Amino acid sequence: MDKVKAFKVALASSGYRTSELARMWGCSKQAIHRVIRGQTTSRRLKPLIDAFIDGHLERLQEDLRRVA
């Protein structure tokens, strides 16, 4: 799954909006989207975004295992 799709899935499962994440992380929505699309790199944002995606996708996989 590419990073943009993974972020959209994680965002939908989290209940957050991009603007809320931007406020929590102290950046703009546009900065988050630029990092996700690979248009720019950010030493501060990239680890936050990766952890957000990994955490929520991991939780979704656990939920799917419980259902199956």
PDB file of N, CA and C in Angstrom:
ATOM      1  N   MET A   1       0.857  -1.167   0.000  1.00  0.00           N
ATOM      2  CA  MET A   1       0.000   0.000   0.000  1.00  0.00           C
ATOM      3  C   MET A   1       0.908   1.237   0.000  1.00  0.00           C
ATOM      4  N   ASP A   2       0.636   2.156  -0.904  1.00  0.00           N
ATOM      5  CA  ASP A   2       1.480   3.344  -0.934  1.00  0.00           C
ATOM      6  C   ASP A   2       1.163   4.255   0.252  1.00  0.00           C
ATOM      7  N   LYS A   3       2.049   5.189   0.488  1.00  0.00           N
ATOM      8  CA  LYS A   3       1.967   6.004   1.701  1.00  0.00           C
ATOM      9  C   LYS A   3       0.712   6.875   1.745  1.00  0.00           C
ATOM     10  N   VAL A   4       0.286   7.402   0.599  1.00  0.00           N
ATOM     11  CA  VAL A   4      -0.905   8.260   0.571  1.00  0.00           C
ATOM     12  C   VAL A   4      -2.139   7.457   0.975  1.00  0.00           C
ATOM     13  N   LYS A   5      -2.297   6.262   0.402  1.00  0.00           N
ATOM     14  CA  LYS A   5      -3.447   5.417   0.749  1.00  0.00           C
ATOM     15  C   LYS A   5      -3.374   4.972   2.205  1.00  0.00           C
ATOM     16  N   ALA A   6      -2.179   4.615   2.651  1.00  0.00           N
ATOM     17  CA  ALA A   6      -2.011   4.181   4.038  1.00  0.00           C
ATOM     18  C   ALA A   6      -2.384   5.307   5.001  1.00  0.00           C
ATOM     19  N   PHE A   7      -1.997   6.535   4.666  1.00  0.00           N
ATOM     20  CA  PHE A   7      -2.341   7.665   5.531  1.00  0.00           C
ATOM     21  C   PHE A   7      -3.846   7.889   5.545  1.00  0.00           C
ATOM     22  N   LYS A   8      -4.490   7.782   4.387  1.00  0.00           N
ATOM     23  CA  LYS A   8      -5.943   7.978   4.323  1.00  0.00           C
ATOM     24  C   LYS A   8      -6.677   6.931   5.157  1.00  0.00           C
ATOM     25  N   VAL A   9      -6.225   5.687   5.093  1.00  0.00           N
ATOM     26  CA  VAL A   9      -6.848   4.615   5.878  1.00  0.00           C
ATOM     27  C   VAL A   9      -6.630   4.865   7.368  1.00  0.00           C
ATOM     28  N   ALA A  10      -5.401   5.209   7.738  1.00  0.00           N
ATOM     29  CA  ALA A  10      -5.098   5.473   9.147  1.00  0.00           C
ATOM     30  C   ALA A  10      -5.887   6.676   9.656  1.00  0.00           C
ATOM     31  N   LEU A  11      -6.006   7.695   8.826  1.00  0.00           N
ATOM     32  CA  LEU A  11      -6.747   8.897   9.215  1.00  0.00           C
ATOM     33  C   LEU A  11      -8.221   8.573   9.424  1.00  0.00           C
ATOM     34  N   ALA A  12      -8.783   7.794   8.523  1.00  0.00           N
ATOM     35  CA  ALA A  12     -10.198   7.424   8.641  1.00  0.00           C
ATOM     36  C   ALA A  12     -10.441   6.578   9.889  1.00  0.00           C
ATOM     37  N   SER A  13      -9.529   5.660  10.184  1.00  0.00           N
ATOM     38  CA  SER A  13      -9.728   4.791  11.342  1.00  0.00           C
ATOM     39  C   SER A  13      -9.487   5.521  12.659  1.00  0.00           C
ATOM     40  N   SER A  14      -8.711   6.586  12.615  1.00  0.00           N
ATOM     41  CA  SER A  14      -8.380   7.300  13.852  1.00  0.00           C
ATOM     42  C   SER A  14      -9.479   8.249  14.301  1.00  0.00           C
ATOM     43  N   GLY A  15     -10.256   8.745  13.353  1.00  0.00           N
ATOM     44  CA  GLY A  15     -11.281   9.722  13.693  1.00  0.00           C
ATOM     45  C   GLY A  15     -10.762  11.148  13.706  1.00  0.00           C
ATOM     46  N   TYR A  16      -9.468  11.322  13.479  1.00  0.00           N
ATOM     47  CA  TYR A  16      -8.890  12.664  13.415  1.00  0.00           C
ATOM     48  C   TYR A  16      -9.076  13.258  12.029  1.00  0.00           C
ATOM     49  N   ARG A  17      -8.955  14.566  11.949  1.00  0.00           N
ATOM     50  CA  ARG A  17      -8.900  15.256  10.662  1.00  0.00           C
ATOM     51  C   ARG A  17      -7.466  15.737  10.495  1.00  0.00           C
ATOM     52  N   THR A  18      -7.052  15.964   9.259  1.00  0.00           N
ATOM     53  CA  THR A  18      -5.684  16.411   9.010  1.00  0.00           C
ATOM     54  C   THR A  18      -5.400  17.719   9.746  1.00  0.00           C
ATOM     55  N   SER A  19      -6.390  18.598   9.799  1.00  0.00           N
ATOM     56  CA  SER A  19      -6.184  19.881  10.486  1.00  0.00           C
ATOM     57  C   SER A  19      -5.928  19.676  11.980  1.00  0.00           C
ATOM     58  N   GLU A  20      -6.568  18.668  12.580  1.00  0.00           N
ATOM     59  CA  GLU A  20      -6.344  18.382  14.002  1.00  0.00           C
ATOM     60  C   GLU A  20      -4.934  17.841  14.238  1.00  0.00           C
ATOM     61  N   LEU A  21      -4.468  16.973  13.329  1.00  0.00           N
ATOM     62  CA  LEU A  21      -3.095  16.468  13.446  1.00  0.00           C
ATOM     63  C   LEU A  21      -2.103  17.612  13.290  1.00  0.00           C
ATOM     64  N   ALA A  22      -2.362  18.492  12.336  1.00  0.00           N
ATOM     65  CA  ALA A  22      -1.469  19.625  12.109  1.00  0.00           C
ATOM     66  C   ALA A  22      -1.378  20.493  13.361  1.00  0.00           C
ATOM     67  N   ARG A  23      -2.497  20.714  14.003  1.00  0.00           N
ATOM     68  CA  ARG A  23      -2.506  21.521  15.232  1.00  0.00           C
ATOM     69  C   ARG A  23      -1.715  20.816  16.333  1.00  0.00           C
ATOM     70  N   MET A  24      -1.902  19.501  16.475  1.00  0.00           N
ATOM     71  CA  MET A  24      -1.181  18.746  17.515  1.00  0.00           C
ATOM     72  C   MET A  24       0.321  18.729  17.252  1.00  0.00           C
ATOM     73  N   TRP A  25       0.697  18.611  15.976  1.00  0.00           N
ATOM     74  CA  TRP A  25       2.103  18.493  15.608  1.00  0.00           C
ATOM     75  C   TRP A  25       2.772  19.836  15.350  1.00  0.00           C
ATOM     76  N   GLY A  26       2.020  20.919  15.376  1.00  0.00           N
ATOM     77  CA  GLY A  26       2.593  22.248  15.198  1.00  0.00           C
ATOM     78  C   GLY A  26       3.065  22.529  13.788  1.00  0.00           C
ATOM     79  N   CYS A  27       2.262  22.144  12.802  1.00  0.00           N
ATOM     80  CA  CYS A  27       2.610  22.393  11.404  1.00  0.00           C
ATOM     81  C   CYS A  27       1.329  22.680  10.635  1.00  0.00           C
ATOM     82  N   SER A  28       1.437  22.785   9.322  1.00  0.00           N
ATOM     83  CA  SER A  28       0.250  23.022   8.499  1.00  0.00           C
ATOM     84  C   SER A  28      -0.228  21.716   7.865  1.00  0.00           C
ATOM     85  N   LYS A  29      -1.496  21.713   7.434  1.00  0.00           N
ATOM     86  CA  LYS A  29      -2.032  20.543   6.720  1.00  0.00           C
ATOM     87  C   LYS A  29      -1.228  20.309   5.456  1.00  0.00           C
ATOM     88  N   GLN A  30      -0.873  21.413   4.787  1.00  0.00           N
ATOM     89  CA  GLN A  30      -0.132  21.310   3.537  1.00  0.00           C
ATOM     90  C   GLN A  30       1.221  20.644   3.759  1.00  0.00           C
ATOM     91  N   ALA A  31       1.870  20.946   4.878  1.00  0.00           N
ATOM     92  CA  ALA A  31       3.166  20.329   5.179  1.00  0.00           C
ATOM     93  C   ALA A  31       3.012  18.822   5.344  1.00  0.00           C
ATOM     94  N   ILE A  32       1.959  18.393   6.019  1.00  0.00           N
ATOM     95  CA  ILE A  32       1.705  16.959   6.192  1.00  0.00           C
ATOM     96  C   ILE A  32       1.514  16.300   4.834  1.00  0.00           C
ATOM     97  N   HIS A  33       0.701  16.900   3.976  1.00  0.00           N
ATOM     98  CA  HIS A  33       0.433  16.317   2.663  1.00  0.00           C
ATOM     99  C   HIS A  33       1.681  16.299   1.779  1.00  0.00           C
ATOM    100  N   ARG A  34       2.526  17.326   1.880  1.00  0.00           N
ATOM    101  CA  ARG A  34       3.765  17.336   1.086  1.00  0.00           C
ATOM    102  C   ARG A  34       4.693  16.202   1.508  1.00  0.00           C
ATOM    103  N   VAL A  35       4.791  15.945   2.810  1.00  0.00           N
ATOM    104  CA  VAL A  35       5.657  14.863   3.297  1.00  0.00           C
ATOM    105  C   VAL A  35       5.099  13.510   2.860  1.00  0.00           C
ATOM    106  N   ILE A  36       3.787  13.330   2.954  1.00  0.00           N
ATOM    107  CA  ILE A  36       3.170  12.058   2.572  1.00  0.00           C
ATOM    108  C   ILE A  36       3.381  11.766   1.095  1.00  0.00           C
ATOM    109  N   ARG A  37       3.219  12.781   0.273  1.00  0.00           N
ATOM    110  CA  ARG A  37       3.375  12.596  -1.179  1.00  0.00           C
ATOM    111  C   ARG A  37       4.831  12.488  -1.607  1.00  0.00           C
ATOM    112  N   GLY A  38       5.754  12.753  -0.703  1.00  0.00           N
ATOM    113  CA  GLY A  38       7.170  12.667  -1.032  1.00  0.00           C
ATOM    114  C   GLY A  38       7.690  13.893  -1.742  1.00  0.00           C
ATOM    115  N   GLN A  39       6.950  14.988  -1.704  1.00  0.00           N
ATOM    116  CA  GLN A  39       7.381  16.213  -2.372  1.00  0.00           C
ATOM    117  C   GLN A  39       8.460  16.936  -1.575  1.00  0.00           C
ATOM    118  N   THR A  40       8.546  16.654  -0.292  1.00  0.00           N
ATOM    119  CA  THR A  40       9.559  17.258   0.566  1.00  0.00           C
ATOM    120  C   THR A  40       9.853  16.293   1.711  1.00  0.00           C
ATOM    121  N   THR A  41      10.950  16.518   2.377  1.00  0.00           N
ATOM    122  CA  THR A  41      11.281  15.692   3.534  1.00  0.00           C
ATOM    123  C   THR A  41      11.287  16.572   4.775  1.00  0.00           C
ATOM    124  N   SER A  42      11.006  15.989   5.889  1.00  0.00           N
ATOM    125  CA  SER A  42      11.011  16.715   7.150  1.00  0.00           C
ATOM    126  C   SER A  42      11.505  15.772   8.232  1.00  0.00           C
ATOM    127  N   ARG A  43      12.597  16.140   8.862  1.00  0.00           N
ATOM    128  CA  ARG A  43      13.143  15.286   9.923  1.00  0.00           C
ATOM    129  C   ARG A  43      12.195  15.189  11.106  1.00  0.00           C
ATOM    130  N   ARG A  44      11.387  16.214  11.305  1.00  0.00           N
ATOM    131  CA  ARG A  44      10.481  16.225  12.447  1.00  0.00           C
ATOM    132  C   ARG A  44       9.150  15.556  12.122  1.00  0.00           C
ATOM    133  N   LEU A  45       8.598  15.827  10.939  1.00  0.00           N
ATOM    134  CA  LEU A  45       7.271  15.309  10.596  1.00  0.00           C
ATOM    135  C   LEU A  45       7.272  13.855  10.148  1.00  0.00           C
ATOM    136  N   LYS A  46       8.297  13.441   9.411  1.00  0.00           N
ATOM    137  CA  LYS A  46       8.305  12.087   8.857  1.00  0.00           C
ATOM    138  C   LYS A  46       8.152  11.011   9.936  1.00  0.00           C
ATOM    139  N   PRO A  47       8.907  11.070  11.036  1.00  0.00           N
ATOM    140  CA  PRO A  47       8.720  10.045  12.077  1.00  0.00           C
ATOM    141  C   PRO A  47       7.327  10.076  12.709  1.00  0.00           C
ATOM    142  N   LEU A  48       6.763  11.270  12.870  1.00  0.00           N
ATOM    143  CA  LEU A  48       5.411  11.378  13.431  1.00  0.00           C
ATOM    144  C   LEU A  48       4.391  10.729  12.506  1.00  0.00           C
ATOM    145  N   ILE A  49       4.506  11.026  11.218  1.00  0.00           N
ATOM    146  CA  ILE A  49       3.566  10.478  10.236  1.00  0.00           C
ATOM    147  C   ILE A  49       3.717   8.962  10.149  1.00  0.00           C
ATOM    148  N   ASP A  50       4.962   8.485  10.091  1.00  0.00           N
ATOM    149  CA  ASP A  50       5.196   7.037  10.007  1.00  0.00           C
ATOM    150  C   ASP A  50       4.641   6.308  11.228  1.00  0.00           C
ATOM    151  N   ALA A  51       4.851   6.871  12.412  1.00  0.00           N
ATOM    152  CA  ALA A  51       4.335   6.247  13.634  1.00  0.00           C
ATOM    153  C   ALA A  51       2.811   6.253  13.646  1.00  0.00           C
ATOM    154  N   PHE A  52       2.212   7.334  13.174  1.00  0.00           N
ATOM    155  CA  PHE A  52       0.752   7.439  13.105  1.00  0.00           C
ATOM    156  C   PHE A  52       0.197   6.360  12.180  1.00  0.00           C
ATOM    157  N   ILE A  53       0.787   6.229  10.993  1.00  0.00           N
ATOM    158  CA  ILE A  53       0.322   5.232  10.022  1.00  0.00           C
ATOM    159  C   ILE A  53       0.514   3.824  10.577  1.00  0.00           C
ATOM    160  N   ASP A  54       1.712   3.530  11.068  1.00  0.00           N
ATOM    161  CA  ASP A  54       2.004   2.183  11.571  1.00  0.00           C
ATOM    162  C   ASP A  54       1.096   1.800  12.728  1.00  0.00           C
ATOM    163  N   GLY A  55       0.892   2.718  13.648  1.00  0.00           N
ATOM    164  CA  GLY A  55       0.059   2.434  14.813  1.00  0.00           C
ATOM    165  C   GLY A  55      -1.375   2.125  14.446  1.00  0.00           C
ATOM    166  N   HIS A  56      -1.940   2.918  13.551  1.00  0.00           N
ATOM    167  CA  HIS A  56      -3.343   2.711  13.207  1.00  0.00           C
ATOM    168  C   HIS A  56      -3.542   1.508  12.288  1.00  0.00           C
ATOM    169  N   LEU A  57      -2.600   1.250  11.385  1.00  0.00           N
ATOM    170  CA  LEU A  57      -2.729   0.067  10.531  1.00  0.00           C
ATOM    171  C   LEU A  57      -2.560  -1.208  11.354  1.00  0.00           C
ATOM    172  N   GLU A  58      -1.671  -1.159  12.338  1.00  0.00           N
ATOM    173  CA  GLU A  58      -1.477  -2.313  13.222  1.00  0.00           C
ATOM    174  C   GLU A  58      -2.765  -2.609  13.999  1.00  0.00           C
ATOM    175  N   ARG A  59      -3.403  -1.566  14.505  1.00  0.00           N
ATOM    176  CA  ARG A  59      -4.653  -1.740  15.245  1.00  0.00           C
ATOM    177  C   ARG A  59      -5.750  -2.305  14.345  1.00  0.00           C
ATOM    178  N   LEU A  60      -5.811  -1.850  13.092  1.00  0.00           N
ATOM    179  CA  LEU A  60      -6.810  -2.379  12.159  1.00  0.00           C
ATOM    180  C   LEU A  60      -6.575  -3.858  11.883  1.00  0.00           C
ATOM    181  N   GLN A  61      -5.302  -4.251  11.733  1.00  0.00           N
ATOM    182  CA  GLN A  61      -4.987  -5.654  11.487  1.00  0.00           C
ATOM    183  C   GLN A  61      -5.392  -6.520  12.677  1.00  0.00           C
ATOM    184  N   GLU A  62      -5.166  -6.030  13.891  1.00  0.00           N
ATOM    185  CA  GLU A  62      -5.582  -6.780  15.085  1.00  0.00           C
ATOM    186  C   GLU A  62      -7.095  -6.940  15.123  1.00  0.00           C
ATOM    187  N   ASP A  63      -7.814  -5.873  14.779  1.00  0.00           N
ATOM    188  CA  ASP A  63      -9.279  -5.942  14.746  1.00  0.00           C
ATOM    189  C   ASP A  63      -9.753  -6.961  13.718  1.00  0.00           C
ATOM    190  N   LEU A  64      -9.102  -6.996  12.561  1.00  0.00           N
ATOM    191  CA  LEU A  64      -9.478  -7.956  11.515  1.00  0.00           C
ATOM    192  C   LEU A  64      -9.197  -9.388  11.961  1.00  0.00           C
ATOM    193  N   ARG A  65      -8.090  -9.599  12.677  1.00  0.00           N
ATOM    194  CA  ARG A  65      -7.770 -10.941  13.173  1.00  0.00           C
ATOM    195  C   ARG A  65      -8.817 -11.411  14.178  1.00  0.00           C
ATOM    196  N   ARG A  66      -9.282 -10.496  15.024  1.00  0.00           N
ATOM    197  CA  ARG A  66     -10.298 -10.857  16.010  1.00  0.00           C
ATOM    198  C   ARG A  66     -11.615 -11.227  15.345  1.00  0.00           C
ATOM    199  N   VAL A  67     -11.947 -10.552  14.268  1.00  0.00           N
ATOM    200  CA  VAL A  67     -13.211 -10.808  13.570  1.00  0.00           C
ATOM    201  C   VAL A  67     -13.145 -12.123  12.806  1.00  0.00           C
ATOM    202  N   ALA A  68     -11.989 -12.423  12.218  1.00  0.00           N
ATOM    203  CA  ALA A  68     -11.849 -13.620  11.375  1.00  0.00           C
ATOM    204  C   ALA A  68     -11.805 -14.900  12.153  1.00  0.00           C
TER     205      ALA A  68
END
